[in-house]
């Protein structure tokens, strides 16, 4: 168990409100249009104390068992992937995923916070998934588990007892892109397609009208989100502005969700993830492709 001693906690208790106010001010300073989508560690601490909140650890099960944020349930990033799918990384049937959410006590009426130890790389995939499924109170923990531990906050090895519930499935099509959707909008100046894979993968083969903007550029060296002003300038440099319809893809849907989340955080109103991504597009003989080394 990690954390401040009981005596120090009592000493610091009168300062909690001051600290929370400072955190709120800091979040406002970052300038995110949808700042409620990014939860800081102090805010999550208060949410745990006051409730209700669902916390989901998306790291591998062995990491969860060694220590997790108190009250967090486990739903690994790979647990939502269909091992029998024809497309690598494709999600399980939606009915199965909805049941998995309900079994972990996750419903659409309670805020849910996802976290990982990869700068939100995996947490964002679950964020996108539940938002696509109709959840309106989902967020990602800024800095994830490493930041929580670095601040000497409490860690538990106990899996919480949860009350099974029902997750009402009301999908939001405008959050999801397909290969046909992208093809139908080829040459449409109002649509921007972003390939968030590393540059070397983009150079080896990509959708001809996709922009290469690697997802890791969303993060500071410390693994937290860059400020809104920095990110807005970054994306605008590629012509990705809030007036555009934006579709994001990667290799198998994971990294794409991180940039999807980033743009949602910035307030871009029309953002969707091409979740099947290059795993589908790259294998399809009837879909156009370009490669830098081929001059295409």
Protein backbone atom coordinates (compact mmCIF):
# COMPACT_ATOMS: atom_id res chain seq x y z
CA UNK A 1 0.00 0.00 0.00
CA UNK A 2 1.42 3.36 -1.04
CA UNK A 3 0.39 6.75 0.38
CA UNK A 4 0.97 9.42 2.99
CA UNK A 5 0.86 8.37 6.59
CA UNK A 6 -2.39 8.87 8.47
CA UNK A 7 -0.89 11.65 10.58
CA UNK A 8 0.38 13.61 7.61
CA UNK A 9 -2.97 13.09 5.85
CA UNK A 10 -4.77 14.70 8.80
CA UNK A 11 -2.33 17.59 8.77
CA UNK A 12 -2.86 18.17 5.04
CA UNK A 13 -6.64 17.72 5.08
CA UNK A 14 -7.41 21.46 5.57
CA UNK A 15 -5.33 22.14 2.45
CA UNK A 16 -7.32 19.75 0.24
CA UNK A 17 -9.79 22.38 -0.94
CA UNK A 18 -6.95 24.77 -1.77
CA UNK A 19 -5.16 22.02 -3.70
CA UNK A 20 -8.28 21.08 -5.65
CA UNK A 21 -8.87 24.73 -6.56
CA UNK A 22 -5.30 24.97 -7.80
CA UNK A 23 -5.77 21.85 -9.92
CA UNK A 24 -8.95 23.23 -11.43
CA UNK A 25 -7.15 26.47 -12.21
CA UNK A 26 -4.30 24.54 -13.82
CA UNK A 27 -6.75 22.58 -15.98
CA UNK A 28 -8.35 25.83 -17.09
CA UNK A 29 -4.91 27.24 -17.92
CA UNK A 30 -4.33 24.35 -20.32
CA UNK A 31 -7.17 25.75 -22.41
CA UNK A 32 -8.91 22.53 -23.43
CA UNK A 33 -12.38 23.19 -24.83
CA UNK A 34 -13.60 19.84 -23.45
CA UNK A 35 -11.47 19.74 -20.32
CA UNK A 36 -13.94 17.37 -18.64
CA UNK A 37 -12.57 14.60 -20.86
CA UNK A 38 -9.17 14.74 -19.13
CA UNK A 39 -9.17 13.94 -15.41
CA UNK A 40 -6.17 14.93 -13.30
CA UNK A 41 -4.99 12.81 -10.39
CA UNK A 42 -6.23 15.13 -7.64
CA UNK A 43 -9.69 15.34 -9.19
CA UNK A 44 -9.85 11.54 -9.38
CA UNK A 45 -8.81 11.34 -5.71
CA UNK A 46 -11.74 13.59 -4.80
CA UNK A 47 -14.10 11.62 -7.04
CA UNK A 48 -13.09 8.42 -5.24
CA UNK A 49 -13.80 10.04 -1.87
CA UNK A 50 -17.15 11.53 -2.87
CA UNK A 51 -18.37 9.19 -5.64
CA UNK A 52 -19.88 7.84 -7.65
CA UNK A 53 -17.22 7.05 -10.24
CA UNK A 54 -16.22 4.01 -12.25
CA UNK A 55 -12.45 3.59 -12.68
CA UNK A 56 -11.08 1.21 -15.29
CA UNK A 57 -7.49 -0.04 -15.38
CA UNK A 58 -6.71 -1.11 -18.95
CA UNK A 59 -3.19 -2.39 -18.29
CA UNK A 60 -2.38 -6.13 -18.49
CA UNK A 61 -3.96 -8.20 -15.71
CA UNK A 62 -0.62 -9.00 -14.06
CA UNK A 63 0.13 -5.29 -13.71
CA UNK A 64 -3.34 -4.67 -12.27
CA UNK A 65 -2.89 -7.48 -9.73
CA UNK A 66 0.42 -6.04 -8.52
CA UNK A 67 -1.23 -2.71 -7.69
CA UNK A 68 -3.91 -0.42 -9.02
CA UNK A 69 -5.86 2.70 -8.12
CA UNK A 70 -8.27 1.81 -5.29
CA UNK A 71 -11.70 0.91 -6.60
CA UNK A 72 -10.53 0.33 -10.15
CA UNK A 73 -11.85 -2.64 -12.08
CA UNK A 74 -9.81 -4.35 -14.76
CA UNK A 75 -10.62 -4.38 -18.47
CA UNK A 76 -7.43 -4.89 -20.43
CA UNK A 77 -6.94 -3.14 -23.75
CA UNK A 78 -6.55 -6.51 -25.49
CA UNK A 79 -9.59 -7.98 -23.73
CA UNK A 80 -11.89 -6.08 -26.10
CA UNK A 81 -10.19 -7.49 -29.24
CA UNK A 82 -11.75 -10.37 -31.15
CA UNK A 83 -9.09 -13.10 -31.51
CA UNK A 84 -11.09 -14.67 -34.35
CA UNK A 85 -11.60 -11.52 -36.40
CA UNK A 86 -10.38 -11.39 -39.99
CA UNK A 87 -8.96 -7.91 -39.33
CA UNK A 88 -6.16 -7.66 -36.78
CA UNK A 89 -7.23 -5.68 -33.70
CA UNK A 90 -10.93 -5.66 -34.57
CA UNK A 91 -13.30 -5.37 -31.62
CA UNK A 92 -15.41 -8.16 -30.21
CA UNK A 93 -19.11 -8.11 -31.16
CA UNK A 94 -20.74 -5.08 -29.64
CA UNK A 95 -23.21 -7.18 -27.64
CA UNK A 96 -20.27 -8.96 -25.99
CA UNK A 97 -18.54 -5.69 -25.16
CA UNK A 98 -21.70 -4.18 -23.69
CA UNK A 99 -22.09 -7.24 -21.47
CA UNK A 100 -18.45 -6.95 -20.35
CA UNK A 101 -19.00 -3.32 -19.37
CA UNK A 102 -22.12 -4.16 -17.39
CA UNK A 103 -20.37 -7.02 -15.58
CA UNK A 104 -17.85 -4.47 -14.31
CA UNK A 105 -20.54 -2.16 -13.00
CA UNK A 106 -20.13 0.37 -15.80
CA UNK A 107 -23.28 2.14 -16.90
CA UNK A 108 -23.96 5.33 -18.83
CA UNK A 109 -25.20 7.30 -15.83
CA UNK A 110 -21.93 7.23 -13.85
CA UNK A 111 -18.67 8.99 -14.82
CA UNK A 112 -16.01 6.55 -15.98
CA UNK A 113 -12.25 7.22 -15.93
CA UNK A 114 -9.84 5.05 -17.92
CA UNK A 115 -6.12 4.85 -17.22
CA UNK A 116 -3.01 2.99 -18.35
CA UNK A 117 0.77 3.38 -18.10
CA UNK A 118 1.38 4.32 -21.75
CA UNK A 119 0.44 8.00 -21.89
CA UNK A 120 -3.20 7.14 -22.53
CA UNK A 121 -2.39 5.00 -25.58
CA UNK A 122 -4.62 2.13 -24.42
CA UNK A 123 -7.00 4.14 -22.25
CA UNK A 124 -8.02 6.24 -25.25
CA UNK A 125 -9.17 3.13 -27.16
CA UNK A 126 -11.62 2.32 -24.37
CA UNK A 127 -12.61 5.97 -24.17
CA UNK A 128 -13.45 5.98 -27.88
CA UNK A 129 -15.29 2.67 -27.58
CA UNK A 130 -17.65 3.74 -24.80
CA UNK A 131 -18.19 7.16 -26.37
CA UNK A 132 -19.09 5.43 -29.65
CA UNK A 133 -21.43 3.22 -27.62
CA UNK A 134 -23.19 6.28 -26.21
CA UNK A 135 -21.45 7.15 -22.91
CA UNK A 136 -21.35 10.92 -22.30
CA UNK A 137 -19.28 11.06 -19.10
CA UNK A 138 -16.09 9.24 -20.06
CA UNK A 139 -12.58 10.59 -19.48
CA UNK A 140 -8.89 9.61 -19.45
CA UNK A 141 -6.56 10.04 -16.47
CA UNK A 142 -3.82 12.51 -17.38
CA UNK A 143 -0.45 10.86 -16.79
CA UNK A 144 -2.11 7.56 -15.91
CA UNK A 145 -0.85 5.15 -13.30
CA UNK A 146 2.79 6.37 -13.37
CA UNK A 147 1.73 9.87 -12.35
CA UNK A 148 -0.58 8.49 -9.64
CA UNK A 149 2.27 6.46 -8.13
CA UNK A 150 4.84 9.26 -8.53
CA UNK A 151 2.61 11.43 -6.34
CA UNK A 152 2.67 8.75 -3.62
CA UNK A 153 -1.06 8.14 -3.82
CA UNK A 154 -2.70 5.02 -2.44
CA UNK A 155 -2.48 1.80 -4.41
CA UNK A 156 -4.51 -1.37 -3.80
CA UNK A 157 -4.09 -5.03 -4.71
CA UNK A 158 -7.74 -5.85 -3.98
CA UNK A 159 -10.25 -6.19 -6.77
CA UNK A 160 -13.39 -4.27 -5.74
CA UNK A 161 -16.77 -5.88 -5.39
CA UNK A 162 -18.99 -4.37 -8.04
CA UNK A 163 -22.71 -4.52 -8.63
CA UNK A 164 -23.43 -5.83 -12.09
CA UNK A 165 -25.47 -3.40 -14.14
CA UNK A 166 -26.69 -2.82 -17.67
CA UNK A 167 -24.89 -0.64 -20.17
CA UNK A 168 -27.51 0.81 -22.51
CA UNK A 169 -26.12 0.49 -26.04
CA UNK A 170 -26.93 3.57 -28.13
CA UNK A 171 -24.21 3.81 -30.79
CA UNK A 172 -23.16 7.17 -32.22
CA UNK A 173 -22.35 6.65 -35.91
CA UNK A 174 -20.67 10.05 -36.26
CA UNK A 175 -17.83 8.77 -34.05
CA UNK A 176 -17.00 5.89 -36.38
CA UNK A 177 -15.50 5.75 -39.89
CA UNK A 178 -15.40 2.85 -42.35
CA UNK A 179 -13.37 2.24 -45.50
CA UNK A 180 -16.42 3.12 -47.58
CA UNK A 181 -16.87 6.38 -45.65
CA UNK A 182 -13.27 7.36 -46.46
CA UNK A 183 -13.58 6.36 -50.11
CA UNK A 184 -16.79 8.32 -50.56
CA UNK A 185 -15.04 11.49 -49.34
CA UNK A 186 -11.86 11.24 -51.38
CA UNK A 187 -11.16 14.70 -52.78
CA UNK A 188 -13.53 16.40 -50.32
CA UNK A 189 -11.68 19.47 -49.02
CA UNK A 190 -13.83 19.52 -45.88
CA UNK A 191 -12.47 16.11 -44.79
CA UNK A 192 -9.02 15.41 -43.36
CA UNK A 193 -7.68 11.89 -42.81
CA UNK A 194 -4.88 11.47 -40.26
CA UNK A 195 -2.50 8.50 -40.16
CA UNK A 196 -1.04 8.47 -36.64
CA UNK A 197 1.43 5.60 -37.11
CA UNK A 198 5.20 6.20 -36.95
CA UNK A 199 6.55 7.90 -40.07
CA UNK A 200 8.39 4.77 -41.24
CA UNK A 201 5.12 2.82 -41.40
CA UNK A 202 3.40 5.66 -43.21
CA UNK A 203 6.25 5.80 -45.72
CA UNK A 204 5.97 2.05 -46.33
CA UNK A 205 2.32 2.36 -47.31
CA UNK A 206 -0.62 4.67 -46.58
CA UNK A 207 -3.97 5.99 -47.74
CA UNK A 208 -3.01 8.41 -50.53
CA UNK A 209 -4.89 11.39 -49.10
CA UNK A 210 -3.94 10.80 -45.44
CA UNK A 211 -1.72 13.19 -43.45
CA UNK A 212 1.10 11.69 -41.37
CA UNK A 213 0.80 13.03 -37.81
CA UNK A 214 2.23 10.46 -35.33
CA UNK A 215 0.20 10.12 -32.14
CA UNK A 216 3.18 10.50 -29.78
CA UNK A 217 3.37 14.16 -30.74
CA UNK A 218 0.28 14.70 -28.56
CA UNK A 219 2.30 14.11 -25.37
CA UNK A 220 4.94 15.86 -23.32
CA UNK A 221 8.15 13.99 -22.46
CA UNK A 222 6.53 13.21 -19.10
CA UNK A 223 3.65 11.35 -20.74
CA UNK A 224 0.95 13.96 -20.09
CA UNK A 225 -1.07 15.85 -22.66
CA UNK A 226 0.45 18.96 -24.20
CA UNK A 227 -1.42 22.22 -23.66
CA UNK A 228 -4.30 23.20 -25.93
CA UNK A 229 -2.39 26.12 -27.46
CA UNK A 230 0.53 23.86 -28.43
CA UNK A 231 -1.73 21.13 -29.80
CA UNK A 232 -3.97 23.50 -31.76
CA UNK A 233 -0.96 25.08 -33.43
CA UNK A 234 0.48 21.62 -34.10
CA UNK A 235 -2.61 20.31 -35.89
CA UNK A 236 -3.33 23.57 -37.70
CA UNK A 237 0.12 23.28 -39.27
CA UNK A 238 -1.20 20.22 -41.11
CA UNK A 239 -4.49 21.85 -42.05
CA UNK A 240 -6.38 19.99 -39.32
CA UNK A 241 -8.65 22.73 -38.02
CA UNK A 242 -11.92 22.53 -36.03
CA UNK A 243 -14.04 23.30 -39.10
CA UNK A 244 -12.95 20.03 -40.77
CA UNK A 245 -14.45 16.58 -40.67
CA UNK A 246 -11.59 14.49 -39.28
CA UNK A 247 -11.07 10.75 -39.57
CA UNK A 248 -8.17 9.15 -37.71
CA UNK A 249 -6.53 5.79 -38.32
CA UNK A 250 -3.45 3.80 -37.33
CA UNK A 251 -2.45 0.16 -37.72
CA UNK A 252 -5.19 -1.55 -35.71
CA UNK A 253 -7.32 1.08 -33.99
CA UNK A 254 -5.36 1.65 -30.79
CA UNK A 255 -3.14 4.65 -31.56
CA UNK A 256 -5.90 6.22 -33.67
CA UNK A 257 -8.01 6.52 -30.56
CA UNK A 258 -5.34 8.62 -28.84
CA UNK A 259 -5.50 11.31 -31.51
CA UNK A 260 -9.28 10.95 -31.62
CA UNK A 261 -9.30 11.67 -27.88
CA UNK A 262 -6.86 14.57 -28.29
CA UNK A 263 -9.01 16.27 -30.91
CA UNK A 264 -12.15 15.72 -28.84
CA UNK A 265 -10.34 17.26 -25.86
CA UNK A 266 -9.51 20.28 -28.00
CA UNK A 267 -13.15 20.68 -28.96
CA UNK A 268 -13.10 19.48 -32.56
CA UNK A 269 -16.80 18.69 -33.13
CA UNK A 270 -16.56 16.25 -36.06
CA UNK A 271 -14.02 13.54 -35.26
CA UNK A 272 -14.30 9.83 -35.94
CA UNK A 273 -12.01 6.82 -35.71
CA UNK A 274 -11.47 4.42 -38.59
CA UNK A 275 -11.07 1.63 -36.10
CA UNK A 276 -10.16 -1.15 -38.52
CA UNK A 277 -7.42 1.12 -39.85
CA UNK A 278 -4.50 -0.02 -41.96
CA UNK A 279 -4.99 -3.64 -40.85
CA UNK A 280 -8.04 -3.65 -43.11
CA UNK A 281 -7.08 -1.07 -45.73
CA UNK A 282 -3.58 -2.43 -46.30
CA UNK A 283 -4.84 -5.96 -46.98
CA UNK A 284 -7.62 -4.95 -49.39
CA UNK A 285 -6.65 -5.25 -53.06
CA UNK A 286 -9.40 -2.89 -54.16
CA UNK A 287 -8.39 0.06 -51.95
CA UNK A 288 -5.88 2.68 -53.20
CA UNK A 289 -2.47 2.91 -51.54
CA UNK A 290 0.67 5.03 -51.75
CA UNK A 291 4.21 4.42 -50.56
CA UNK A 292 6.94 7.04 -50.25
CA UNK A 293 9.72 4.74 -51.39
CA UNK A 294 7.72 3.94 -54.53
CA UNK A 295 7.13 7.60 -55.26
CA UNK A 296 3.40 7.12 -54.91
